[in-house]
Amino acid sequence: MNLSRSRMLLGLVLLTVLAYGNTTQNGFLWDDQSHIIENSHIRNHHYLGIVFRSDLFHRHAATAVPYYRPMQTVSYMADYALWGLNPFGYHLTNLALHLGCVLLLALLVEQLSASFCGR
């Protein structure tokens, strides 16, 4: 990895942490009440299979509104296993996911631009 690429990736990490790092000090907001605090499904790993057969609000897929978000619920399950109901952990996970997306996008753009420029 050359120096300019390292600087670019480090810059992206710093910008992401600057943009989202302060969220770790916040509590739960708005729909976190129903999705996390009142959601008994995230507290029990036995519901893992059900998560993939129901909508976000645990209604059967045939009668569910189109709000199928199994990975969101799986993420909440992992967060609950690690952090309980401590909002800091959920926000830290969100920061890590944002950072991962930023870095993956940067690497994708780098690959596409290299292909486009014939490198």
PDB file of N, CA and C in Angstrom:
ATOM      1  N   MET A   1       0.863  -1.173   0.000  1.00  0.00           N
ATOM      2  CA  MET A   1       0.000   0.000   0.000  1.00  0.00           C
ATOM      3  C   MET A   1       0.908   1.234   0.000  1.00  0.00           C
ATOM      4  N   ASN A   2       0.678   2.108  -0.960  1.00  0.00           N
ATOM      5  CA  ASN A   2       1.523   3.300  -1.018  1.00  0.00           C
ATOM      6  C   ASN A   2       1.040   4.364  -0.036  1.00  0.00           C
ATOM      7  N   LEU A   3       1.874   5.376   0.132  1.00  0.00           N
ATOM      8  CA  LEU A   3       1.613   6.402   1.151  1.00  0.00           C
ATOM      9  C   LEU A   3       0.349   7.207   0.871  1.00  0.00           C
ATOM     10  N   SER A   4       0.110   7.561  -0.389  1.00  0.00           N
ATOM     11  CA  SER A   4      -1.076   8.375  -0.692  1.00  0.00           C
ATOM     12  C   SER A   4      -2.358   7.570  -0.465  1.00  0.00           C
ATOM     13  N   ARG A   5      -2.323   6.284  -0.773  1.00  0.00           N
ATOM     14  CA  ARG A   5      -3.494   5.438  -0.522  1.00  0.00           C
ATOM     15  C   ARG A   5      -3.725   5.302   0.977  1.00  0.00           C
ATOM     16  N   SER A   6      -2.663   5.117   1.718  1.00  0.00           N
ATOM     17  CA  SER A   6      -2.776   5.028   3.182  1.00  0.00           C
ATOM     18  C   SER A   6      -3.343   6.317   3.767  1.00  0.00           C
ATOM     19  N   ARG A   7      -2.881   7.449   3.268  1.00  0.00           N
ATOM     20  CA  ARG A   7      -3.392   8.733   3.748  1.00  0.00           C
ATOM     21  C   ARG A   7      -4.870   8.910   3.416  1.00  0.00           C
ATOM     22  N   MET A   8      -5.253   8.485   2.208  1.00  0.00           N
ATOM     23  CA  MET A   8      -6.646   8.608   1.810  1.00  0.00           C
ATOM     24  C   MET A   8      -7.538   7.756   2.732  1.00  0.00           C
ATOM     25  N   LEU A   9      -7.138   6.519   2.971  1.00  0.00           N
ATOM     26  CA  LEU A   9      -7.939   5.642   3.829  1.00  0.00           C
ATOM     27  C   LEU A   9      -7.967   6.157   5.266  1.00  0.00           C
ATOM     28  N   LEU A  10      -6.841   6.641   5.753  1.00  0.00           N
ATOM     29  CA  LEU A  10      -6.796   7.220   7.095  1.00  0.00           C
ATOM     30  C   LEU A  10      -7.682   8.467   7.178  1.00  0.00           C
ATOM     31  N   GLY A  11      -7.640   9.271   6.135  1.00  0.00           N
ATOM     32  CA  GLY A  11      -8.503  10.453   6.084  1.00  0.00           C
ATOM     33  C   GLY A  11      -9.977  10.077   6.117  1.00  0.00           C
ATOM     34  N   LEU A  12     -10.349   9.036   5.394  1.00  0.00           N
ATOM     35  CA  LEU A  12     -11.737   8.577   5.404  1.00  0.00           C
ATOM     36  C   LEU A  12     -12.141   8.054   6.782  1.00  0.00           C
ATOM     37  N   VAL A  13     -11.228   7.345   7.429  1.00  0.00           N
ATOM     38  CA  VAL A  13     -11.499   6.860   8.788  1.00  0.00           C
ATOM     39  C   VAL A  13     -11.719   8.054   9.719  1.00  0.00           C
ATOM     40  N   LEU A  14     -10.839   9.041   9.652  1.00  0.00           N
ATOM     41  CA  LEU A  14     -10.957  10.214  10.529  1.00  0.00           C
ATOM     42  C   LEU A  14     -12.238  10.997  10.257  1.00  0.00           C
ATOM     43  N   LEU A  15     -12.575  11.191   8.989  1.00  0.00           N
ATOM     44  CA  LEU A  15     -13.806  11.911   8.656  1.00  0.00           C
ATOM     45  C   LEU A  15     -15.044  11.162   9.151  1.00  0.00           C
ATOM     46  N   THR A  16     -15.038   9.854   9.007  1.00  0.00           N
ATOM     47  CA  THR A  16     -16.178   9.053   9.469  1.00  0.00           C
ATOM     48  C   THR A  16     -16.308   9.126  10.982  1.00  0.00           C
ATOM     49  N   VAL A  17     -15.195   9.004  11.685  1.00  0.00           N
ATOM     50  CA  VAL A  17     -15.227   9.080  13.149  1.00  0.00           C
ATOM     51  C   VAL A  17     -15.641  10.483  13.601  1.00  0.00           C
ATOM     52  N   LEU A  18     -15.169  11.510  12.911  1.00  0.00           N
ATOM     53  CA  LEU A  18     -15.584  12.873  13.250  1.00  0.00           C
ATOM     54  C   LEU A  18     -17.082  13.085  13.018  1.00  0.00           C
ATOM     55  N   ALA A  19     -17.592  12.495  11.953  1.00  0.00           N
ATOM     56  CA  ALA A  19     -19.009  12.681  11.623  1.00  0.00           C
ATOM     57  C   ALA A  19     -19.929  11.902  12.554  1.00  0.00           C
ATOM     58  N   TYR A  20     -19.538  10.691  12.928  1.00  0.00           N
ATOM     59  CA  TYR A  20     -20.435   9.815  13.672  1.00  0.00           C
ATOM     60  C   TYR A  20     -19.965   9.474  15.078  1.00  0.00           C
ATOM     61  N   GLY A  21     -18.746   9.823  15.432  1.00  0.00           N
ATOM     62  CA  GLY A  21     -18.189   9.446  16.725  1.00  0.00           C
ATOM     63  C   GLY A  21     -18.952   9.993  17.915  1.00  0.00           C
ATOM     64  N   ASN A  22     -19.546  11.163  17.767  1.00  0.00           N
ATOM     65  CA  ASN A  22     -20.269  11.752  18.892  1.00  0.00           C
ATOM     66  C   ASN A  22     -21.584  11.030  19.191  1.00  0.00           C
ATOM     67  N   THR A  23     -22.030  10.155  18.303  1.00  0.00           N
ATOM     68  CA  THR A  23     -23.286   9.437  18.544  1.00  0.00           C
ATOM     69  C   THR A  23     -23.171   8.439  19.689  1.00  0.00           C
ATOM     70  N   THR A  24     -21.956   8.022  20.005  1.00  0.00           N
ATOM     71  CA  THR A  24     -21.787   7.028  21.073  1.00  0.00           C
ATOM     72  C   THR A  24     -22.212   7.562  22.435  1.00  0.00           C
ATOM     73  N   GLN A  25     -22.318   8.868  22.556  1.00  0.00           N
ATOM     74  CA  GLN A  25     -22.722   9.485  23.828  1.00  0.00           C
ATOM     75  C   GLN A  25     -24.240   9.624  23.952  1.00  0.00           C
ATOM     76  N   ASN A  26     -24.955   9.316  22.880  1.00  0.00           N
ATOM     77  CA  ASN A  26     -26.401   9.499  22.870  1.00  0.00           C
ATOM     78  C   ASN A  26     -27.135   8.268  23.397  1.00  0.00           C
ATOM     79  N   GLY A  27     -28.371   8.477  23.785  1.00  0.00           N
ATOM     80  CA  GLY A  27     -29.233   7.386  24.197  1.00  0.00           C
ATOM     81  C   GLY A  27     -30.002   6.843  23.014  1.00  0.00           C
ATOM     82  N   PHE A  28     -30.988   6.026  23.294  1.00  0.00           N
ATOM     83  CA  PHE A  28     -31.861   5.520  22.248  1.00  0.00           C
ATOM     84  C   PHE A  28     -32.833   6.614  21.841  1.00  0.00           C
ATOM     85  N   LEU A  29     -33.241   6.601  20.576  1.00  0.00           N
ATOM     86  CA  LEU A  29     -34.159   7.615  20.051  1.00  0.00           C
ATOM     87  C   LEU A  29     -35.308   6.952  19.292  1.00  0.00           C
ATOM     88  N   TRP A  30     -36.362   7.680  19.072  1.00  0.00           N
ATOM     89  CA  TRP A  30     -37.517   7.393  18.234  1.00  0.00           C
ATOM     90  C   TRP A  30     -37.896   5.915  18.180  1.00  0.00           C
ATOM     91  N   ASP A  31     -37.628   5.257  17.037  1.00  0.00           N
ATOM     92  CA  ASP A  31     -38.080   3.876  16.855  1.00  0.00           C
ATOM     93  C   ASP A  31     -37.227   2.857  17.610  1.00  0.00           C
ATOM     94  N   ASP A  32     -36.173   3.301  18.276  1.00  0.00           N
ATOM     95  CA  ASP A  32     -35.392   2.382  19.101  1.00  0.00           C
ATOM     96  C   ASP A  32     -36.257   1.792  20.213  1.00  0.00           C
ATOM     97  N   GLN A  33     -37.257   2.528  20.637  1.00  0.00           N
ATOM     98  CA  GLN A  33     -38.169   2.038  21.679  1.00  0.00           C
ATOM     99  C   GLN A  33     -38.812   0.721  21.234  1.00  0.00           C
ATOM    100  N   SER A  34     -39.368   0.684  20.019  1.00  0.00           N
ATOM    101  CA  SER A  34     -40.034  -0.530  19.547  1.00  0.00           C
ATOM    102  C   SER A  34     -39.053  -1.548  18.978  1.00  0.00           C
ATOM    103  N   HIS A  35     -37.993  -1.099  18.319  1.00  0.00           N
ATOM    104  CA  HIS A  35     -37.061  -2.023  17.669  1.00  0.00           C
ATOM    105  C   HIS A  35     -36.070  -2.671  18.623  1.00  0.00           C
ATOM    106  N   ILE A  36     -35.767  -2.011  19.724  1.00  0.00           N
ATOM    107  CA  ILE A  36     -34.747  -2.524  20.645  1.00  0.00           C
ATOM    108  C   ILE A  36     -35.312  -2.729  22.049  1.00  0.00           C
ATOM    109  N   ILE A  37     -35.753  -1.664  22.673  1.00  0.00           N
ATOM    110  CA  ILE A  37     -36.129  -1.728  24.085  1.00  0.00           C
ATOM    111  C   ILE A  37     -37.307  -2.671  24.330  1.00  0.00           C
ATOM    112  N   GLU A  38     -38.338  -2.591  23.500  1.00  0.00           N
ATOM    113  CA  GLU A  38     -39.531  -3.424  23.694  1.00  0.00           C
ATOM    114  C   GLU A  38     -39.511  -4.708  22.865  1.00  0.00           C
ATOM    115  N   ASN A  39     -38.439  -4.983  22.169  1.00  0.00           N
ATOM    116  CA  ASN A  39     -38.363  -6.119  21.251  1.00  0.00           C
ATOM    117  C   ASN A  39     -37.812  -7.355  21.953  1.00  0.00           C
ATOM    118  N   SER A  40     -38.699  -8.251  22.349  1.00  0.00           N
ATOM    119  CA  SER A  40     -38.266  -9.465  23.051  1.00  0.00           C
ATOM    120  C   SER A  40     -37.526 -10.423  22.124  1.00  0.00           C
ATOM    121  N   HIS A  41     -37.722 -10.318  20.815  1.00  0.00           N
ATOM    122  CA  HIS A  41     -37.060 -11.223  19.877  1.00  0.00           C
ATOM    123  C   HIS A  41     -35.541 -11.064  19.872  1.00  0.00           C
ATOM    124  N   ILE A  42     -35.040  -9.873  20.135  1.00  0.00           N
ATOM    125  CA  ILE A  42     -33.582  -9.686  20.087  1.00  0.00           C
ATOM    126  C   ILE A  42     -32.894 -10.248  21.329  1.00  0.00           C
ATOM    127  N   ARG A  43     -33.660 -10.590  22.330  1.00  0.00           N
ATOM    128  CA  ARG A  43     -33.093 -11.080  23.589  1.00  0.00           C
ATOM    129  C   ARG A  43     -32.898 -12.595  23.623  1.00  0.00           C
ATOM    130  N   ASN A  44     -33.374 -13.292  22.608  1.00  0.00           N
ATOM    131  CA  ASN A  44     -33.350 -14.751  22.626  1.00  0.00           C
ATOM    132  C   ASN A  44     -32.887 -15.269  21.264  1.00  0.00           C
ATOM    133  N   HIS A  45     -31.758 -15.970  21.225  1.00  0.00           N
ATOM    134  CA  HIS A  45     -31.211 -16.466  19.958  1.00  0.00           C
ATOM    135  C   HIS A  45     -32.097 -17.527  19.307  1.00  0.00           C
ATOM    136  N   HIS A  46     -33.049 -18.074  20.032  1.00  0.00           N
ATOM    137  CA  HIS A  46     -33.966 -19.064  19.457  1.00  0.00           C
ATOM    138  C   HIS A  46     -34.890 -18.439  18.412  1.00  0.00           C
ATOM    139  N   TYR A  47     -35.008 -17.136  18.415  1.00  0.00           N
ATOM    140  CA  TYR A  47     -35.835 -16.435  17.431  1.00  0.00           C
ATOM    141  C   TYR A  47     -35.090 -16.186  16.117  1.00  0.00           C
ATOM    142  N   LEU A  48     -33.848 -16.597  16.018  1.00  0.00           N
ATOM    143  CA  LEU A  48     -33.045 -16.296  14.837  1.00  0.00           C
ATOM    144  C   LEU A  48     -33.713 -16.772  13.552  1.00  0.00           C
ATOM    145  N   GLY A  49     -34.249 -17.979  13.535  1.00  0.00           N
ATOM    146  CA  GLY A  49     -34.925 -18.484  12.337  1.00  0.00           C
ATOM    147  C   GLY A  49     -36.176 -17.707  12.005  1.00  0.00           C
ATOM    148  N   ILE A  50     -36.894 -17.286  13.015  1.00  0.00           N
ATOM    149  CA  ILE A  50     -38.133 -16.528  12.811  1.00  0.00           C
ATOM    150  C   ILE A  50     -37.842 -15.174  12.175  1.00  0.00           C
ATOM    151  N   VAL A  51     -36.707 -14.605  12.500  1.00  0.00           N
ATOM    152  CA  VAL A  51     -36.321 -13.300  11.960  1.00  0.00           C
ATOM    153  C   VAL A  51     -36.326 -13.324  10.435  1.00  0.00           C
ATOM    154  N   PHE A  52     -35.959 -14.456   9.842  1.00  0.00           N
ATOM    155  CA  PHE A  52     -35.880 -14.560   8.385  1.00  0.00           C
ATOM    156  C   PHE A  52     -37.206 -14.945   7.740  1.00  0.00           C
ATOM    157  N   ARG A  53     -38.223 -15.197   8.568  1.00  0.00           N
ATOM    158  CA  ARG A  53     -39.544 -15.567   8.046  1.00  0.00           C
ATOM    159  C   ARG A  53     -40.625 -14.552   8.395  1.00  0.00           C
ATOM    160  N   SER A  54     -40.242 -13.449   9.002  1.00  0.00           N
ATOM    161  CA  SER A  54     -41.230 -12.453   9.401  1.00  0.00           C
ATOM    162  C   SER A  54     -40.696 -11.062   9.092  1.00  0.00           C
ATOM    163  N   ASP A  55     -41.570 -10.081   9.234  1.00  0.00           N
ATOM    164  CA  ASP A  55     -41.123  -8.711   9.020  1.00  0.00           C
ATOM    165  C   ASP A  55     -40.465  -8.176  10.295  1.00  0.00           C
ATOM    166  N   LEU A  56     -40.089  -6.938  10.272  1.00  0.00           N
ATOM    167  CA  LEU A  56     -39.381  -6.337  11.405  1.00  0.00           C
ATOM    168  C   LEU A  56     -40.210  -6.364  12.682  1.00  0.00           C
ATOM    169  N   PHE A  57     -41.527  -6.387  12.526  1.00  0.00           N
ATOM    170  CA  PHE A  57     -42.407  -6.364  13.684  1.00  0.00           C
ATOM    171  C   PHE A  57     -42.938  -7.754  14.026  1.00  0.00           C
ATOM    172  N   HIS A  58     -42.309  -8.790  13.462  1.00  0.00           N
ATOM    173  CA  HIS A  58     -42.537 -10.193  13.795  1.00  0.00           C
ATOM    174  C   HIS A  58     -43.892 -10.728  13.357  1.00  0.00           C
ATOM    175  N   ARG A  59     -44.432 -10.150  12.308  1.00  0.00           N
ATOM    176  CA  ARG A  59     -45.648 -10.701  11.732  1.00  0.00           C
ATOM    177  C   ARG A  59     -45.237 -11.651  10.635  1.00  0.00           C
ATOM    178  N   HIS A  60     -46.009 -12.693  10.402  1.00  0.00           N
ATOM    179  CA  HIS A  60     -45.695 -13.681   9.371  1.00  0.00           C
ATOM    180  C   HIS A  60     -45.559 -12.987   8.022  1.00  0.00           C
ATOM    181  N   ALA A  61     -44.640 -13.453   7.208  1.00  0.00           N
ATOM    182  CA  ALA A  61     -44.322 -12.795   5.943  1.00  0.00           C
ATOM    183  C   ALA A  61     -45.543 -12.642   5.034  1.00  0.00           C
ATOM    184  N   ALA A  62     -46.483 -13.584   5.061  1.00  0.00           N
ATOM    185  CA  ALA A  62     -47.654 -13.504   4.185  1.00  0.00           C
ATOM    186  C   ALA A  62     -48.573 -12.341   4.571  1.00  0.00           C
ATOM    187  N   THR A  63     -48.595 -11.980   5.836  1.00  0.00           N
ATOM    188  CA  THR A  63     -49.482 -10.906   6.294  1.00  0.00           C
ATOM    189  C   THR A  63     -48.705  -9.636   6.648  1.00  0.00           C
ATOM    190  N   ALA A  64     -47.414  -9.656   6.458  1.00  0.00           N
ATOM    191  CA  ALA A  64     -46.566  -8.546   6.901  1.00  0.00           C
ATOM    192  C   ALA A  64     -46.624  -7.367   5.944  1.00  0.00           C
ATOM    193  N   VAL A  65     -46.397  -6.210   6.507  1.00  0.00           N
ATOM    194  CA  VAL A  65     -46.185  -5.042   5.668  1.00  0.00           C
ATOM    195  C   VAL A  65     -44.806  -5.202   5.033  1.00  0.00           C
ATOM    196  N   PRO A  66     -44.541  -4.539   3.938  1.00  0.00           N
ATOM    197  CA  PRO A  66     -43.241  -4.731   3.280  1.00  0.00           C
ATOM    198  C   PRO A  66     -42.107  -4.051   4.052  1.00  0.00           C
ATOM    199  N   TYR A  67     -41.796  -4.568   5.205  1.00  0.00           N
ATOM    200  CA  TYR A  67     -40.709  -4.041   6.023  1.00  0.00           C
ATOM    201  C   TYR A  67     -39.865  -5.214   6.509  1.00  0.00           C
ATOM    202  N   TYR A  68     -39.374  -5.984   5.556  1.00  0.00           N
ATOM    203  CA  TYR A  68     -38.581  -7.174   5.817  1.00  0.00           C
ATOM    204  C   TYR A  68     -37.129  -6.739   6.027  1.00  0.00           C
ATOM    205  N   ARG A  69     -36.644  -6.811   7.255  1.00  0.00           N
ATOM    206  CA  ARG A  69     -35.299  -6.361   7.603  1.00  0.00           C
ATOM    207  C   ARG A  69     -34.604  -7.373   8.515  1.00  0.00           C
ATOM    208  N   PRO A  70     -34.341  -8.580   8.038  1.00  0.00           N
ATOM    209  CA  PRO A  70     -33.759  -9.592   8.926  1.00  0.00           C
ATOM    210  C   PRO A  70     -32.358  -9.234   9.427  1.00  0.00           C
ATOM    211  N   MET A  71     -31.537  -8.612   8.599  1.00  0.00           N
ATOM    212  CA  MET A  71     -30.176  -8.302   9.037  1.00  0.00           C
ATOM    213  C   MET A  71     -30.173  -7.211  10.105  1.00  0.00           C
ATOM    214  N   GLN A  72     -31.145  -6.319  10.055  1.00  0.00           N
ATOM    215  CA  GLN A  72     -31.269  -5.300  11.097  1.00  0.00           C
ATOM    216  C   GLN A  72     -31.558  -5.973  12.437  1.00  0.00           C
ATOM    217  N   THR A  73     -32.480  -6.930  12.429  1.00  0.00           N
ATOM    218  CA  THR A  73     -32.810  -7.627  13.672  1.00  0.00           C
ATOM    219  C   THR A  73     -31.651  -8.494  14.142  1.00  0.00           C
ATOM    220  N   VAL A  74     -30.950  -9.151  13.225  1.00  0.00           N
ATOM    221  CA  VAL A  74     -29.777  -9.957  13.598  1.00  0.00           C
ATOM    222  C   VAL A  74     -28.714  -9.055  14.220  1.00  0.00           C
ATOM    223  N   SER A  75     -28.529  -7.870  13.657  1.00  0.00           N
ATOM    224  CA  SER A  75     -27.577  -6.915  14.228  1.00  0.00           C
ATOM    225  C   SER A  75     -27.993  -6.526  15.643  1.00  0.00           C
ATOM    226  N   TYR A  76     -29.290  -6.281  15.839  1.00  0.00           N
ATOM    227  CA  TYR A  76     -29.774  -5.956  17.181  1.00  0.00           C
ATOM    228  C   TYR A  76     -29.577  -7.135  18.134  1.00  0.00           C
ATOM    229  N   MET A  77     -29.748  -8.353  17.636  1.00  0.00           N
ATOM    230  CA  MET A  77     -29.525  -9.540  18.486  1.00  0.00           C
ATOM    231  C   MET A  77     -28.069  -9.609  18.939  1.00  0.00           C
ATOM    232  N   ALA A  78     -27.160  -9.372  18.008  1.00  0.00           N
ATOM    233  CA  ALA A  78     -25.725  -9.399  18.350  1.00  0.00           C
ATOM    234  C   ALA A  78     -25.394  -8.273  19.325  1.00  0.00           C
ATOM    235  N   ASP A  79     -25.945  -7.095  19.070  1.00  0.00           N
ATOM    236  CA  ASP A  79     -25.719  -5.976  19.985  1.00  0.00           C
ATOM    237  C   ASP A  79     -26.252  -6.284  21.375  1.00  0.00           C
ATOM    238  N   TYR A  80     -27.441  -6.852  21.444  1.00  0.00           N
ATOM    239  CA  TYR A  80     -28.017  -7.158  22.754  1.00  0.00           C
ATOM    240  C   TYR A  80     -27.156  -8.193  23.483  1.00  0.00           C
ATOM    241  N   ALA A  81     -26.640  -9.189  22.740  1.00  0.00           N
ATOM    242  CA  ALA A  81     -25.780 -10.198  23.356  1.00  0.00           C
ATOM    243  C   ALA A  81     -24.499  -9.570  23.908  1.00  0.00           C
ATOM    244  N   LEU A  82     -23.987  -8.563  23.221  1.00  0.00           N
ATOM    245  CA  LEU A  82     -22.748  -7.903  23.656  1.00  0.00           C
ATOM    246  C   LEU A  82     -22.975  -6.805  24.688  1.00  0.00           C
ATOM    247  N   TRP A  83     -24.013  -6.002  24.498  1.00  0.00           N
ATOM    248  CA  TRP A  83     -24.169  -4.764  25.256  1.00  0.00           C
ATOM    249  C   TRP A  83     -25.401  -4.695  26.139  1.00  0.00           C
ATOM    250  N   GLY A  84     -26.302  -5.667  26.023  1.00  0.00           N
ATOM    251  CA  GLY A  84     -27.567  -5.549  26.745  1.00  0.00           C
ATOM    252  C   GLY A  84     -28.347  -4.375  26.180  1.00  0.00           C
ATOM    253  N   LEU A  85     -28.854  -3.528  27.036  1.00  0.00           N
ATOM    254  CA  LEU A  85     -29.598  -2.346  26.585  1.00  0.00           C
ATOM    255  C   LEU A  85     -28.792  -1.055  26.748  1.00  0.00           C
ATOM    256  N   ASN A  86     -27.468  -1.168  26.673  1.00  0.00           N
ATOM    257  CA  ASN A  86     -26.599  -0.002  26.758  1.00  0.00           C
ATOM    258  C   ASN A  86     -26.492   0.646  25.374  1.00  0.00           C
ATOM    259  N   PRO A  87     -27.034   1.844  25.182  1.00  0.00           N
ATOM    260  CA  PRO A  87     -27.028   2.469  23.857  1.00  0.00           C
ATOM    261  C   PRO A  87     -25.633   2.711  23.293  1.00  0.00           C
ATOM    262  N   PHE A  88     -24.635   2.886  24.153  1.00  0.00           N
ATOM    263  CA  PHE A  88     -23.267   3.110  23.683  1.00  0.00           C
ATOM    264  C   PHE A  88     -22.842   2.012  22.709  1.00  0.00           C
ATOM    265  N   GLY A  89     -23.096   0.771  23.061  1.00  0.00           N
ATOM    266  CA  GLY A  89     -22.681  -0.347  22.220  1.00  0.00           C
ATOM    267  C   GLY A  89     -23.373  -0.366  20.873  1.00  0.00           C
ATOM    268  N   TYR A  90     -24.656  -0.060  20.856  1.00  0.00           N
ATOM    269  CA  TYR A  90     -25.402  -0.026  19.601  1.00  0.00           C
ATOM    270  C   TYR A  90     -24.854   1.075  18.687  1.00  0.00           C
ATOM    271  N   HIS A  91     -24.548   2.222  19.270  1.00  0.00           N
ATOM    272  CA  HIS A  91     -23.991   3.321  18.479  1.00  0.00           C
ATOM    273  C   HIS A  91     -22.572   2.994  18.013  1.00  0.00           C
ATOM    274  N   LEU A  92     -21.803   2.297  18.832  1.00  0.00           N
ATOM    275  CA  LEU A  92     -20.453   1.879  18.438  1.00  0.00           C
ATOM    276  C   LEU A  92     -20.519   0.897  17.267  1.00  0.00           C
ATOM    277  N   THR A  93     -21.442  -0.046  17.327  1.00  0.00           N
ATOM    278  CA  THR A  93     -21.640  -0.978  16.217  1.00  0.00           C
ATOM    279  C   THR A  93     -22.014  -0.219  14.953  1.00  0.00           C
ATOM    280  N   ASN A  94     -22.910   0.752  15.075  1.00  0.00           N
ATOM    281  CA  ASN A  94     -23.331   1.547  13.928  1.00  0.00           C
ATOM    282  C   ASN A  94     -22.155   2.313  13.335  1.00  0.00           C
ATOM    283  N   LEU A  95     -21.310   2.863  14.189  1.00  0.00           N
ATOM    284  CA  LEU A  95     -20.113   3.561  13.723  1.00  0.00           C
ATOM    285  C   LEU A  95     -19.199   2.599  12.965  1.00  0.00           C
ATOM    286  N   ALA A  96     -19.002   1.404  13.496  1.00  0.00           N
ATOM    287  CA  ALA A  96     -18.149   0.412  12.835  1.00  0.00           C
ATOM    288  C   ALA A  96     -18.731   0.002  11.482  1.00  0.00           C
ATOM    289  N   LEU A  97     -20.052  -0.156  11.409  1.00  0.00           N
ATOM    290  CA  LEU A  97     -20.682  -0.506  10.135  1.00  0.00           C
ATOM    291  C   LEU A  97     -20.548   0.631   9.122  1.00  0.00           C
ATOM    292  N   HIS A  98     -20.739   1.870   9.555  1.00  0.00           N
ATOM    293  CA  HIS A  98     -20.551   3.011   8.667  1.00  0.00           C
ATOM    294  C   HIS A  98     -19.102   3.055   8.164  1.00  0.00           C
ATOM    295  N   LEU A  99     -18.168   2.855   9.063  1.00  0.00           N
ATOM    296  CA  LEU A  99     -16.756   2.887   8.694  1.00  0.00           C
ATOM    297  C   LEU A  99     -16.430   1.785   7.687  1.00  0.00           C
ATOM    298  N   GLY A 100     -16.954   0.596   7.924  1.00  0.00           N
ATOM    299  CA  GLY A 100     -16.735  -0.512   6.983  1.00  0.00           C
ATOM    300  C   GLY A 100     -17.284  -0.195   5.603  1.00  0.00           C
ATOM    301  N   CYS A 101     -18.467   0.399   5.546  1.00  0.00           N
ATOM    302  CA  CYS A 101     -19.070   0.768   4.255  1.00  0.00           C
ATOM    303  C   CYS A 101     -18.242   1.833   3.542  1.00  0.00           C
ATOM    304  N   VAL A 102     -17.775   2.818   4.273  1.00  0.00           N
ATOM    305  CA  VAL A 102     -16.953   3.885   3.685  1.00  0.00           C
ATOM    306  C   VAL A 102     -15.677   3.300   3.081  1.00  0.00           C
ATOM    307  N   LEU A 103     -15.021   2.418   3.827  1.00  0.00           N
ATOM    308  CA  LEU A 103     -13.768   1.836   3.333  1.00  0.00           C
ATOM    309  C   LEU A 103     -14.000   0.904   2.146  1.00  0.00           C
ATOM    310  N   LEU A 104     -15.069   0.113   2.202  1.00  0.00           N
ATOM    311  CA  LEU A 104     -15.384  -0.765   1.071  1.00  0.00           C
ATOM    312  C   LEU A 104     -15.720   0.045  -0.175  1.00  0.00           C
ATOM    313  N   LEU A 105     -16.461   1.128  -0.015  1.00  0.00           N
ATOM    314  CA  LEU A 105     -16.786   1.985  -1.150  1.00  0.00           C
ATOM    315  C   LEU A 105     -15.517   2.619  -1.726  1.00  0.00           C
ATOM    316  N   ALA A 106     -14.626   3.053  -0.874  1.00  0.00           N
ATOM    317  CA  ALA A 106     -13.365   3.645  -1.342  1.00  0.00           C
ATOM    318  C   ALA A 106     -12.551   2.627  -2.141  1.00  0.00           C
ATOM    319  N   LEU A 107     -12.502   1.392  -1.655  1.00  0.00           N
ATOM    320  CA  LEU A 107     -11.756   0.352  -2.373  1.00  0.00           C
ATOM    321  C   LEU A 107     -12.435  -0.006  -3.695  1.00  0.00           C
ATOM    322  N   LEU A 108     -13.768   0.002  -3.712  1.00  0.00           N
ATOM    323  CA  LEU A 108     -14.503  -0.258  -4.951  1.00  0.00           C
ATOM    324  C   LEU A 108     -14.234   0.837  -5.973  1.00  0.00           C
ATOM    325  N   VAL A 109     -14.301   2.083  -5.539  1.00  0.00           N
ATOM    326  CA  VAL A 109     -14.024   3.210  -6.447  1.00  0.00           C
ATOM    327  C   VAL A 109     -12.596   3.113  -6.968  1.00  0.00           C
ATOM    328  N   GLU A 110     -11.672   2.754  -6.103  1.00  0.00           N
ATOM    329  CA  GLU A 110     -10.277   2.604  -6.529  1.00  0.00           C
ATOM    330  C   GLU A 110     -10.147   1.528  -7.610  1.00  0.00           C
ATOM    331  N   GLN A 111     -10.801   0.399  -7.418  1.00  0.00           N
ATOM    332  CA  GLN A 111     -10.748  -0.691  -8.396  1.00  0.00           C
ATOM    333  C   GLN A 111     -11.419  -0.288  -9.712  1.00  0.00           C
ATOM    334  N   LEU A 112     -12.570   0.353  -9.606  1.00  0.00           N
ATOM    335  CA  LEU A 112     -13.286   0.761 -10.822  1.00  0.00           C
ATOM    336  C   LEU A 112     -12.511   1.824 -11.589  1.00  0.00           C
ATOM    337  N   SER A 113     -11.912   2.767 -10.872  1.00  0.00           N
ATOM    338  CA  SER A 113     -11.164   3.810 -11.566  1.00  0.00           C
ATOM    339  C   SER A 113      -9.891   3.229 -12.205  1.00  0.00           C
ATOM    340  N   ALA A 114      -9.286   2.248 -11.564  1.00  0.00           N
ATOM    341  CA  ALA A 114      -8.106   1.601 -12.150  1.00  0.00           C
ATOM    342  C   ALA A 114      -8.497   0.839 -13.413  1.00  0.00           C
ATOM    343  N   SER A 115      -9.642   0.168 -13.376  1.00  0.00           N
ATOM    344  CA  SER A 115     -10.116  -0.556 -14.550  1.00  0.00           C
ATOM    345  C   SER A 115     -10.473   0.410 -15.673  1.00  0.00           C
ATOM    346  N   PHE A 116     -11.112   1.513 -15.316  1.00  0.00           N
ATOM    347  CA  PHE A 116     -11.537   2.502 -16.303  1.00  0.00           C
ATOM    348  C   PHE A 116     -10.335   3.184 -16.958  1.00  0.00           C
ATOM    349  N   CYS A 117      -9.314   3.453 -16.162  1.00  0.00           N
ATOM    350  CA  CYS A 117      -8.128   4.145 -16.678  1.00  0.00           C
ATOM    351  C   CYS A 117      -7.136   3.195 -17.317  1.00  0.00           C
ATOM    352  N   GLY A 118      -7.409   1.894 -17.280  1.00  0.00           N
ATOM    353  CA  GLY A 118      -6.534   0.917 -17.916  1.00  0.00           C
ATOM    354  C   GLY A 118      -5.292   0.572 -17.135  1.00  0.00           C
ATOM    355  N   ARG A 119      -5.338   0.725 -15.831  1.00  0.00           N
ATOM    356  CA  ARG A 119      -4.175   0.405 -15.000  1.00  0.00           C
ATOM    357  C   ARG A 119      -4.101  -1.057 -14.733  1.00  0.00           C
TER     358      ARG A 119
END
